Amino acid sequence: MTPSNGAAVATVSGNDDLRAEVQKRTLRVVMLAQILGGLGLAAGISVGALLAEELLGSDSVAGLPTALFTLGSAAAAFIIGRLTQRSGRRLGLELGFIVGGIGAVGVVWAAAIDNVPLLFGSFLLYGAATAANLQARYAGTDLALPDRRGKAISIAMVATTIGAVAGPNLIAPLGSLASSLGLPELTGPFLLAAVANFAAGIALWIFLRPDPFLLAQQLELESDSGVQGDAPALEVEAAAELEGTYLGAEDQEHDQDQQKSGKLQGRSFDGVVVGATVMVLTQIAMVAIMTMTPVHMSAHHFSLSAIGFVIGIHVAAMFLPSPVTGYLVDKYGRVPLSIASAVTLLFAGLIAAFAPNNSLVLLIVALALLGLGWNFGLIAGTAMIVDATTLSNRGRVQGSVDVLIALAGAGGGAASGVVMATSGFSGLSLIGGVLSLLLVPVLVWARSRSRARLDGTDQRHST
């Protein structure tokens, strides 16, 4: 029996209230997990390269820990994406943090017994927490309206700032704690990472109920059955927002009609490609420069405290501006913020390349801009991916895209040591900054594809 219009309206209204209530709860739980996950994330960024350099005696392999834990992150992102599509957000995220905690324990153990194969294997496991930390940002968008997705992503990300900034600045006291336990000084941050990652996994398992991804699927089914003849309202709005990324607001009403007739598949594919490219290029540029900064500073006799401070500023710039970035992405579109990302990363690379080796101030500026450019690119790219997918494929696509991001980070981390050994930190920074400019032709291509497809549709309608 078909429900009356009044019953349908009541169902939709009730669903909206439930959506809003669970969305608030989800964001609170994700913020807690991100704070804890940020503490774990900071360990690998801050001292992973230094630990490898100490054990292996060469800075040419100092980028291997970053490469390994980002490879581990790639594998974990794929698995988490599949688990999300089948079982919801909670299981995949919880397992990611738990496995990452096990990896952190393995890093400490490997350093204590001077076992390089165990160290590298542990870094692979450690990467699972990085994948969970990144995938958690999507959990904030499952129940968010299309015009609030940037804000939802930003709330999930900004919480990471607390842990990620505190972590590097705890390097010295954590090193003293490790030494007092008879462990190598550089293992101190990984002791904290183990505890933080286990706590994040447990928190998600206990509190992320109901699962936002599964609830979003349920609400969409109820929307389909309660309002016959209409496509799900959220997906129509999402399609309009996606096309609004490339075109002006005057075309969005036309695009809603196209979405209802099933003709936005090509545009959605373009949105996934462009969003993935934005995040991949920003990841390569950021990871390459960031990974070698502690090695560069150590070679020029900066203290561990100074290194931790610079990385702390960098990580703060990666996450702290997120609320403003999310607002700008929602208000002005995904493409303008992607272009801002490319320009910001270019300036970061130029400053790092030409700064005097002993200039702490310029290193701080360069690493802050590096984090900010990454922040612009990640939030804009993530919003593009969410806009371009539906609940029937979103989990799988998000997992696959994060695999690419992780592989890009692995490549950037592995190559950074080799490039620095041959071209120095200045050459590495310059290459990273210039690489980010590849975003511009990709965005121009996407815009031209979108306009060409729209013009073709208009011509077919006119005939």
Protein backbone atom coordinates (compact mmCIF):
# COMPACT_ATOMS: atom_id res chain seq x y z
CA MET A 1 0.00 0.00 0.00
CA THR A 2 1.39 3.40 -1.03
CA PRO A 3 1.70 5.85 1.86
CA SER A 4 -0.22 9.08 1.66
CA ASN A 5 1.58 12.36 1.08
CA GLY A 6 1.06 13.28 4.73
CA ALA A 7 2.61 10.02 5.91
CA ALA A 8 5.53 10.49 3.54
CA VAL A 9 6.18 14.00 4.81
CA ALA A 10 6.05 12.77 8.40
CA THR A 11 8.53 10.00 7.58
CA VAL A 12 10.94 12.41 5.91
CA SER A 13 10.64 14.86 8.81
CA GLY A 14 11.35 12.10 11.33
CA ASN A 15 14.30 10.93 9.28
CA ASP A 16 15.72 14.46 9.23
CA ASP A 17 15.54 14.66 13.01
CA LEU A 18 17.20 11.27 13.41
CA ARG A 19 19.86 12.19 10.86
CA ALA A 20 20.72 15.41 12.69
CA GLU A 21 20.86 13.72 16.10
CA VAL A 22 23.08 10.85 14.98
CA GLN A 23 25.28 13.21 12.95
CA LYS A 24 26.09 15.21 16.08
CA ARG A 25 26.92 12.05 18.01
CA THR A 26 29.03 10.71 15.15
CA LEU A 27 31.09 13.87 14.95
CA ARG A 28 31.76 13.78 18.70
CA VAL A 29 32.94 10.16 18.56
CA VAL A 30 35.06 10.78 15.46
CA MET A 31 36.65 13.80 17.14
CA LEU A 32 37.64 11.67 20.15
CA ALA A 33 39.16 9.01 17.91
CA GLN A 34 40.98 11.64 15.86
CA ILE A 35 42.53 13.24 18.93
CA LEU A 36 43.89 9.86 20.01
CA GLY A 37 44.85 8.89 16.47
CA GLY A 38 46.71 12.17 16.06
CA LEU A 39 49.03 11.23 18.92
CA GLY A 40 49.88 8.02 17.11
CA LEU A 41 50.23 9.73 13.74
CA ALA A 42 52.84 12.15 15.05
CA ALA A 43 55.33 9.44 16.07
CA GLY A 44 55.97 8.17 12.56
CA ILE A 45 56.19 11.68 11.13
CA SER A 46 58.57 12.98 13.77
CA VAL A 47 61.13 10.27 14.43
CA GLY A 48 60.52 7.41 11.98
CA ALA A 49 63.19 8.66 9.58
CA LEU A 50 65.63 9.37 12.43
CA LEU A 51 65.12 5.88 13.84
CA ALA A 52 65.87 4.24 10.50
CA GLU A 53 68.92 6.45 10.00
CA GLU A 54 70.20 5.49 13.46
CA LEU A 55 69.73 1.74 12.93
CA LEU A 56 70.99 1.61 9.34
CA GLY A 57 73.63 4.32 9.50
CA SER A 58 72.63 6.06 6.25
CA ASP A 59 70.31 8.95 5.45
CA SER A 60 69.66 7.56 1.94
CA VAL A 61 67.28 5.01 3.48
CA ALA A 62 65.76 7.39 6.01
CA GLY A 63 62.63 7.69 3.88
CA LEU A 64 61.91 3.95 4.09
CA PRO A 65 59.84 4.07 7.32
CA THR A 66 57.50 6.63 5.75
CA ALA A 67 57.31 4.53 2.59
CA LEU A 68 56.58 1.37 4.57
CA PHE A 69 53.89 2.74 6.85
CA THR A 70 52.23 4.44 3.90
CA LEU A 71 52.30 1.11 2.01
CA GLY A 72 50.70 -0.46 5.06
CA SER A 73 48.21 2.38 5.01
CA ALA A 74 47.38 1.59 1.37
CA ALA A 75 46.59 -2.04 2.13
CA ALA A 76 44.56 -1.05 5.19
CA ALA A 77 42.65 1.63 3.26
CA PHE A 78 41.56 -0.96 0.71
CA ILE A 79 40.39 -3.35 3.42
CA ILE A 80 38.66 -0.63 5.45
CA GLY A 81 36.83 0.57 2.32
CA ARG A 82 35.51 -2.92 1.61
CA LEU A 83 34.52 -3.49 5.23
CA THR A 84 32.73 -0.14 5.24
CA GLN A 85 30.68 -1.00 2.16
CA ARG A 86 29.67 -4.35 3.65
CA SER A 87 29.53 -3.78 7.40
CA GLY A 88 29.65 -0.01 7.99
CA ARG A 89 32.29 2.39 9.31
CA ARG A 90 32.78 1.08 12.83
CA LEU A 91 34.42 -2.31 12.21
CA GLY A 92 36.99 -1.13 9.66
CA LEU A 93 38.06 1.94 11.60
CA GLU A 94 38.35 0.03 14.87
CA LEU A 95 40.50 -2.69 13.31
CA GLY A 96 42.71 -0.11 11.61
CA PHE A 97 43.61 1.59 14.88
CA ILE A 98 44.15 -1.70 16.73
CA VAL A 99 46.50 -3.05 14.05
CA GLY A 100 48.33 0.30 14.07
CA GLY A 101 48.80 -0.03 17.83
CA ILE A 102 50.30 -3.50 17.34
CA GLY A 103 52.67 -2.01 14.77
CA ALA A 104 53.80 0.68 17.20
CA VAL A 105 54.61 -2.00 19.79
CA GLY A 106 56.59 -3.83 17.10
CA VAL A 107 58.62 -0.72 16.28
CA VAL A 108 59.63 -0.35 19.94
CA TRP A 109 60.54 -4.03 20.17
CA ALA A 110 62.55 -3.97 16.91
CA ALA A 111 64.55 -0.93 18.01
CA ALA A 112 65.21 -2.49 21.40
CA ILE A 113 66.72 -5.67 19.89
CA ASP A 114 68.22 -3.92 16.81
CA ASN A 115 66.20 -6.04 14.38
CA VAL A 116 65.81 -4.23 11.05
CA PRO A 117 63.40 -6.73 9.34
CA LEU A 118 61.10 -6.56 12.37
CA LEU A 119 61.31 -2.77 12.29
CA PHE A 120 60.23 -2.62 8.66
CA GLY A 121 57.44 -5.16 9.15
CA SER A 122 56.18 -3.23 12.15
CA PHE A 123 56.06 -0.01 10.13
CA LEU A 124 53.78 -1.78 7.62
CA LEU A 125 51.35 -2.63 10.43
CA TYR A 126 51.73 0.85 11.93
CA GLY A 127 50.38 2.29 8.67
CA ALA A 128 46.94 0.80 9.36
CA ALA A 129 46.34 3.50 11.97
CA THR A 130 47.20 6.17 9.40
CA ALA A 131 44.58 4.70 7.07
CA ALA A 132 41.99 4.63 9.85
CA ASN A 133 42.83 8.19 10.81
CA LEU A 134 42.25 9.40 7.25
CA GLN A 135 39.16 7.25 6.62
CA ALA A 136 37.54 8.58 9.78
CA ARG A 137 37.03 11.90 7.99
CA TYR A 138 34.53 10.20 5.69
CA ALA A 139 32.46 9.04 8.66
CA GLY A 140 31.60 12.67 9.32
CA THR A 141 30.07 13.03 5.84
CA ASP A 142 27.78 9.97 5.80
CA LEU A 143 24.84 11.86 7.30
CA ALA A 144 25.87 15.40 6.31
CA LEU A 145 23.84 17.39 3.79
CA PRO A 146 25.71 18.15 0.53
CA ASP A 147 26.23 21.83 1.34
CA ARG A 148 27.71 20.94 4.74
CA ARG A 149 30.14 18.22 3.71
CA GLY A 150 33.18 20.48 3.79
CA LYS A 151 32.27 21.49 7.33
CA ALA A 152 31.78 17.86 8.39
CA ILE A 153 35.17 16.86 6.98
CA SER A 154 36.82 19.81 8.69
CA ILE A 155 35.37 18.97 12.11
CA ALA A 156 36.71 15.44 11.86
CA MET A 157 40.13 16.67 10.79
CA VAL A 158 40.60 19.55 13.21
CA ALA A 159 40.30 17.21 16.17
CA THR A 160 43.46 15.47 14.95
CA THR A 161 45.33 18.72 15.64
CA ILE A 162 45.26 18.24 19.41
CA GLY A 163 47.02 14.90 19.37
CA ALA A 164 49.17 15.51 16.32
CA VAL A 165 50.58 18.77 17.65
CA ALA A 166 51.08 17.48 21.18
CA GLY A 167 52.90 14.37 19.91
CA PRO A 168 55.97 16.01 18.31
CA ASN A 169 56.37 18.37 21.25
CA LEU A 170 56.51 15.37 23.58
CA ILE A 171 59.50 13.86 21.78
CA ALA A 172 62.02 14.93 24.41
CA PRO A 173 60.09 13.80 27.53
CA LEU A 174 58.99 10.60 25.82
CA GLY A 175 62.61 9.97 24.87
CA SER A 176 63.58 10.34 28.52
CA LEU A 177 60.82 7.90 29.48
CA ALA A 178 62.07 5.36 26.94
CA SER A 179 65.66 5.72 28.19
CA SER A 180 64.52 5.18 31.78
CA LEU A 181 62.93 1.91 30.63
CA GLY A 182 66.15 0.82 28.98
CA LEU A 183 64.82 1.46 25.46
CA PRO A 184 66.35 3.60 22.66
CA GLU A 185 65.44 7.25 23.07
CA LEU A 186 63.72 7.51 19.69
CA THR A 187 61.20 4.80 20.61
CA GLY A 188 59.50 7.07 23.14
CA PRO A 189 56.89 8.50 20.71
CA PHE A 190 55.97 4.98 19.61
CA LEU A 191 55.16 4.00 23.19
CA LEU A 192 52.60 6.80 23.18
CA ALA A 193 51.41 5.79 19.70
CA ALA A 194 50.65 2.26 20.86
CA VAL A 195 48.49 3.41 23.77
CA ALA A 196 46.75 6.12 21.70
CA ASN A 197 45.91 3.83 18.78
CA PHE A 198 44.52 1.08 21.01
CA ALA A 199 42.40 3.67 22.83
CA ALA A 200 41.08 5.12 19.54
CA GLY A 201 40.05 1.68 18.31
CA ILE A 202 38.26 0.83 21.54
CA ALA A 203 36.47 4.20 21.60
CA LEU A 204 35.12 3.71 18.07
CA TRP A 205 33.95 0.18 18.80
CA ILE A 206 32.07 1.23 21.93
CA PHE A 207 30.62 4.61 20.97
CA LEU A 208 30.13 4.74 17.16
CA ARG A 209 26.57 3.45 17.41
CA PRO A 210 24.44 3.54 15.38
CA ASP A 211 26.86 3.19 12.49
CA PRO A 212 26.48 6.37 10.36
CA PHE A 213 27.09 4.63 7.02
CA LEU A 214 24.51 1.92 7.66
CA LEU A 215 22.01 4.46 8.97
CA ALA A 216 22.48 6.62 5.87
CA GLN A 217 21.71 3.59 3.70
CA GLN A 218 18.61 2.82 5.75
CA LEU A 219 17.35 6.40 5.55
CA GLU A 220 17.84 6.44 1.79
CA LEU A 221 15.75 3.28 1.42
CA GLU A 222 13.00 4.81 3.55
CA SER A 223 13.17 7.97 1.47
CA ASP A 224 12.73 5.95 -1.73
CA SER A 225 9.73 4.07 -0.37
CA GLY A 226 8.16 7.10 1.32
CA VAL A 227 8.31 9.57 -1.59
CA GLN A 228 7.61 7.65 -4.78
CA GLY A 229 8.70 8.94 -8.15
CA ASP A 230 11.57 11.05 -6.91
CA ALA A 231 15.26 10.18 -6.80
CA PRO A 232 16.76 10.36 -3.31
CA ALA A 233 16.92 14.04 -2.47
CA LEU A 234 20.43 13.93 -1.06
CA GLU A 235 21.90 12.29 -4.16
CA VAL A 236 20.25 14.82 -6.47
CA GLU A 237 21.67 17.64 -4.39
CA ALA A 238 25.06 15.94 -4.37
CA ALA A 239 25.08 15.73 -8.14
CA ALA A 240 24.22 19.41 -8.43
CA GLU A 241 26.98 20.27 -5.99
CA LEU A 242 29.44 18.17 -7.97
CA GLU A 243 28.68 19.96 -11.19
CA GLY A 244 28.69 23.26 -9.34
CA THR A 245 32.33 22.52 -8.61
CA TYR A 246 33.16 23.03 -12.27
CA LEU A 247 30.36 25.24 -13.57
CA GLY A 248 28.39 28.20 -12.34
CA ALA A 249 25.24 28.13 -10.23
CA GLU A 250 23.10 28.80 -13.33
CA ASP A 251 23.72 25.25 -14.57
CA GLN A 252 22.88 23.42 -11.36
CA GLU A 253 19.11 23.24 -11.91
CA HIS A 254 19.72 21.66 -15.31
CA ASP A 255 22.04 19.12 -13.70
CA GLN A 256 19.42 18.07 -11.18
CA ASP A 257 17.19 17.12 -14.12
CA GLN A 258 20.04 15.18 -15.67
CA GLN A 259 20.68 13.33 -12.41
CA LYS A 260 17.04 12.28 -12.22
CA SER A 261 17.30 10.78 -15.72
CA GLY A 262 20.52 8.95 -14.87
CA LYS A 263 22.89 10.96 -17.10
CA LEU A 264 25.47 12.13 -14.60
CA GLN A 265 27.56 8.98 -14.53
CA GLY A 266 30.33 10.46 -16.69
CA ARG A 267 30.51 13.58 -14.57
CA SER A 268 30.63 11.50 -11.42
CA PHE A 269 33.56 9.53 -12.81
CA ASP A 270 35.34 12.78 -13.62
CA GLY A 271 34.69 13.97 -10.08
CA VAL A 272 36.34 10.86 -8.64
CA VAL A 273 39.33 11.21 -10.97
CA VAL A 274 39.86 14.87 -10.19
CA GLY A 275 39.32 14.50 -6.45
CA ALA A 276 41.77 11.60 -6.33
CA THR A 277 44.35 13.50 -8.39
CA VAL A 278 44.14 16.54 -6.12
CA MET A 279 44.75 14.44 -3.01
CA VAL A 280 47.48 12.27 -4.59
CA LEU A 281 49.58 15.20 -5.85
CA THR A 282 49.28 17.13 -2.60
CA GLN A 283 50.23 13.97 -0.68
CA ILE A 284 53.38 13.37 -2.73
CA ALA A 285 54.58 16.96 -2.40
CA MET A 286 53.84 17.14 1.31
CA VAL A 287 55.26 13.75 2.33
CA ALA A 288 58.48 14.14 0.36
CA ILE A 289 59.43 17.42 2.00
CA MET A 290 58.08 16.58 5.43
CA THR A 291 59.89 13.24 5.66
CA MET A 292 63.34 14.71 5.09
CA THR A 293 62.91 17.82 7.22
CA PRO A 294 63.93 16.06 10.50
CA VAL A 295 66.97 14.52 8.74
CA HIS A 296 67.93 17.90 7.27
CA MET A 297 67.58 19.61 10.64
CA SER A 298 69.51 16.88 12.46
CA ALA A 299 72.35 17.19 9.95
CA HIS A 300 72.58 20.91 10.77
CA HIS A 301 72.66 20.31 14.54
CA PHE A 302 69.14 21.28 15.50
CA SER A 303 67.99 19.67 18.77
CA LEU A 304 65.25 17.08 19.04
CA SER A 305 63.11 19.72 20.71
CA ALA A 306 63.55 22.07 17.74
CA ILE A 307 62.74 19.28 15.31
CA GLY A 308 59.63 18.39 17.30
CA PHE A 309 58.55 22.04 17.37
CA VAL A 310 58.86 22.44 13.58
CA ILE A 311 56.99 19.22 12.90
CA GLY A 312 54.38 20.24 15.46
CA ILE A 313 53.79 23.51 13.61
CA HIS A 314 53.60 21.59 10.35
CA VAL A 315 51.03 19.14 11.69
CA ALA A 316 49.02 21.99 13.22
CA ALA A 317 48.87 23.61 9.78
CA MET A 318 47.74 20.29 8.32
CA PHE A 319 44.68 20.10 10.56
CA LEU A 320 43.99 23.27 12.56
CA PRO A 321 42.75 25.44 9.63
CA SER A 322 40.19 22.76 8.72
CA PRO A 323 37.05 24.65 9.91
CA VAL A 324 37.94 27.65 7.76
CA THR A 325 38.91 25.42 4.83
CA GLY A 326 35.65 23.48 5.13
CA TYR A 327 33.65 26.72 5.10
CA LEU A 328 35.52 27.97 2.02
CA VAL A 329 35.06 24.65 0.20
CA ASP A 330 31.30 24.71 0.85
CA LYS A 331 30.89 28.39 -0.01
CA TYR A 332 33.24 28.90 -2.97
CA GLY A 333 33.62 25.40 -4.39
CA ARG A 334 36.12 22.59 -4.57
CA VAL A 335 38.18 23.84 -7.52
CA PRO A 336 39.21 27.26 -6.10
CA LEU A 337 40.53 25.58 -2.96
CA SER A 338 42.37 23.00 -5.06
CA ILE A 339 44.12 25.79 -6.94
CA ALA A 340 44.93 27.47 -3.62
CA SER A 341 46.48 24.17 -2.53
CA ALA A 342 48.81 24.08 -5.54
CA VAL A 343 49.94 27.67 -5.07
CA THR A 344 50.50 27.25 -1.32
CA LEU A 345 52.56 24.08 -1.81
CA LEU A 346 54.65 25.83 -4.45
CA PHE A 347 55.52 28.65 -2.04
CA ALA A 348 56.31 26.11 0.68
CA GLY A 349 58.77 24.31 -1.60
CA LEU A 350 60.42 27.54 -2.73
CA ILE A 351 60.92 28.82 0.82
CA ALA A 352 62.30 25.48 2.02
CA ALA A 353 64.61 25.28 -1.00
CA PHE A 354 66.16 28.73 -0.63
CA ALA A 355 66.11 29.15 3.16
CA PRO A 356 69.54 29.22 4.86
CA ASN A 357 70.34 25.88 6.48
CA ASN A 358 70.44 27.39 9.95
CA SER A 359 67.22 29.40 9.67
CA LEU A 360 64.68 27.91 12.07
CA VAL A 361 62.16 30.68 11.31
CA LEU A 362 62.07 30.05 7.56
CA LEU A 363 61.83 26.30 8.10
CA ILE A 364 58.81 26.92 10.32
CA VAL A 365 57.20 29.10 7.64
CA ALA A 366 57.91 26.55 4.90
CA LEU A 367 56.57 23.61 6.88
CA ALA A 368 53.50 25.58 7.98
CA LEU A 369 52.68 26.41 4.35
CA LEU A 370 53.34 22.79 3.41
CA GLY A 371 50.74 21.64 5.94
CA LEU A 372 48.25 24.32 4.90
CA GLY A 373 48.51 23.44 1.20
CA TRP A 374 47.92 19.78 2.05
CA ASN A 375 44.89 20.77 4.14
CA PHE A 376 43.35 22.71 1.24
CA GLY A 377 43.88 19.80 -1.15
CA LEU A 378 42.67 17.04 1.16
CA ILE A 379 39.40 18.71 2.16
CA ALA A 380 38.60 19.88 -1.38
CA GLY A 381 39.49 16.49 -2.85
CA THR A 382 37.55 14.58 -0.20
CA ALA A 383 34.45 16.69 -0.86
CA MET A 384 34.78 15.94 -4.58
CA ILE A 385 34.87 12.20 -3.90
CA VAL A 386 31.80 12.32 -1.65
CA ASP A 387 29.94 14.46 -4.20
CA ALA A 388 30.76 12.05 -7.03
CA THR A 389 29.63 8.84 -5.31
CA THR A 390 26.42 7.33 -3.95
CA LEU A 391 25.88 5.14 -0.92
CA SER A 392 25.88 2.08 -3.18
CA ASN A 393 29.56 2.54 -4.04
CA ARG A 394 30.88 5.22 -1.68
CA GLY A 395 32.72 3.00 0.79
CA ARG A 396 34.55 1.06 -1.94
CA VAL A 397 35.50 4.17 -3.89
CA GLN A 398 36.71 6.01 -0.80
CA GLY A 399 38.85 3.04 0.19
CA SER A 400 40.33 2.75 -3.30
CA VAL A 401 41.11 6.46 -3.48
CA ASP A 402 42.83 6.34 -0.11
CA VAL A 403 44.92 3.42 -1.44
CA LEU A 404 46.17 5.75 -4.16
CA ILE A 405 46.87 8.47 -1.61
CA ALA A 406 48.83 6.05 0.56
CA LEU A 407 50.81 4.71 -2.41
CA ALA A 408 51.59 8.27 -3.42
CA GLY A 409 52.87 8.96 0.08
CA ALA A 410 54.91 5.75 0.00
CA GLY A 411 56.48 6.75 -3.29
CA GLY A 412 57.17 10.26 -2.06
CA GLY A 413 58.68 8.99 1.18
CA ALA A 414 60.87 6.37 -0.50
CA ALA A 415 62.07 8.74 -3.21
CA SER A 416 62.70 11.61 -0.81
CA GLY A 417 65.80 9.99 0.71
CA VAL A 418 67.30 9.21 -2.68
CA VAL A 419 66.55 12.69 -4.06
CA MET A 420 67.99 14.34 -0.97
CA ALA A 421 71.14 12.20 -1.16
CA THR A 422 71.72 13.35 -4.74
CA SER A 423 70.23 16.86 -4.85
CA GLY A 424 70.13 17.95 -1.22
CA PHE A 425 67.19 19.24 0.77
CA SER A 426 66.94 22.30 -1.49
CA GLY A 427 66.56 20.20 -4.62
CA LEU A 428 63.98 17.96 -2.96
CA SER A 429 61.93 20.94 -1.77
CA LEU A 430 62.02 22.60 -5.18
CA ILE A 431 60.85 19.43 -6.93
CA GLY A 432 58.04 18.95 -4.43
CA GLY A 433 56.81 22.51 -4.82
CA VAL A 434 56.84 22.46 -8.62
CA LEU A 435 55.12 19.05 -8.69
CA SER A 436 52.05 20.54 -7.03
CA LEU A 437 51.46 22.78 -10.07
CA LEU A 438 50.33 19.71 -12.03
CA LEU A 439 47.00 20.22 -10.27
CA VAL A 440 46.19 23.21 -12.48
CA PRO A 441 46.04 21.41 -15.88
CA VAL A 442 44.05 18.57 -14.27
CA LEU A 443 41.44 21.03 -13.02
CA VAL A 444 41.33 22.79 -16.41
CA TRP A 445 40.80 19.41 -18.10
CA ALA A 446 37.93 18.58 -15.75
CA ARG A 447 36.24 21.90 -16.35
CA SER A 448 36.52 21.56 -20.14
CA ARG A 449 35.14 17.98 -20.01
CA SER A 450 32.21 19.14 -17.94
CA ARG A 451 31.35 22.01 -20.24
CA ALA A 452 31.72 19.85 -23.34
CA ARG A 453 29.35 17.24 -21.91
CA LEU A 454 26.81 19.89 -20.93
CA ASP A 455 27.00 21.52 -24.38
CA GLY A 456 26.49 18.12 -26.02
CA THR A 457 23.42 17.47 -23.89
CA ASP A 458 21.97 20.89 -24.74
CA GLN A 459 22.53 20.28 -28.47
CA ARG A 460 20.74 16.91 -28.30
CA HIS A 461 17.81 18.58 -26.52
CA SER A 462 17.59 21.31 -29.17
CA THR A 463 17.32 18.75 -31.97
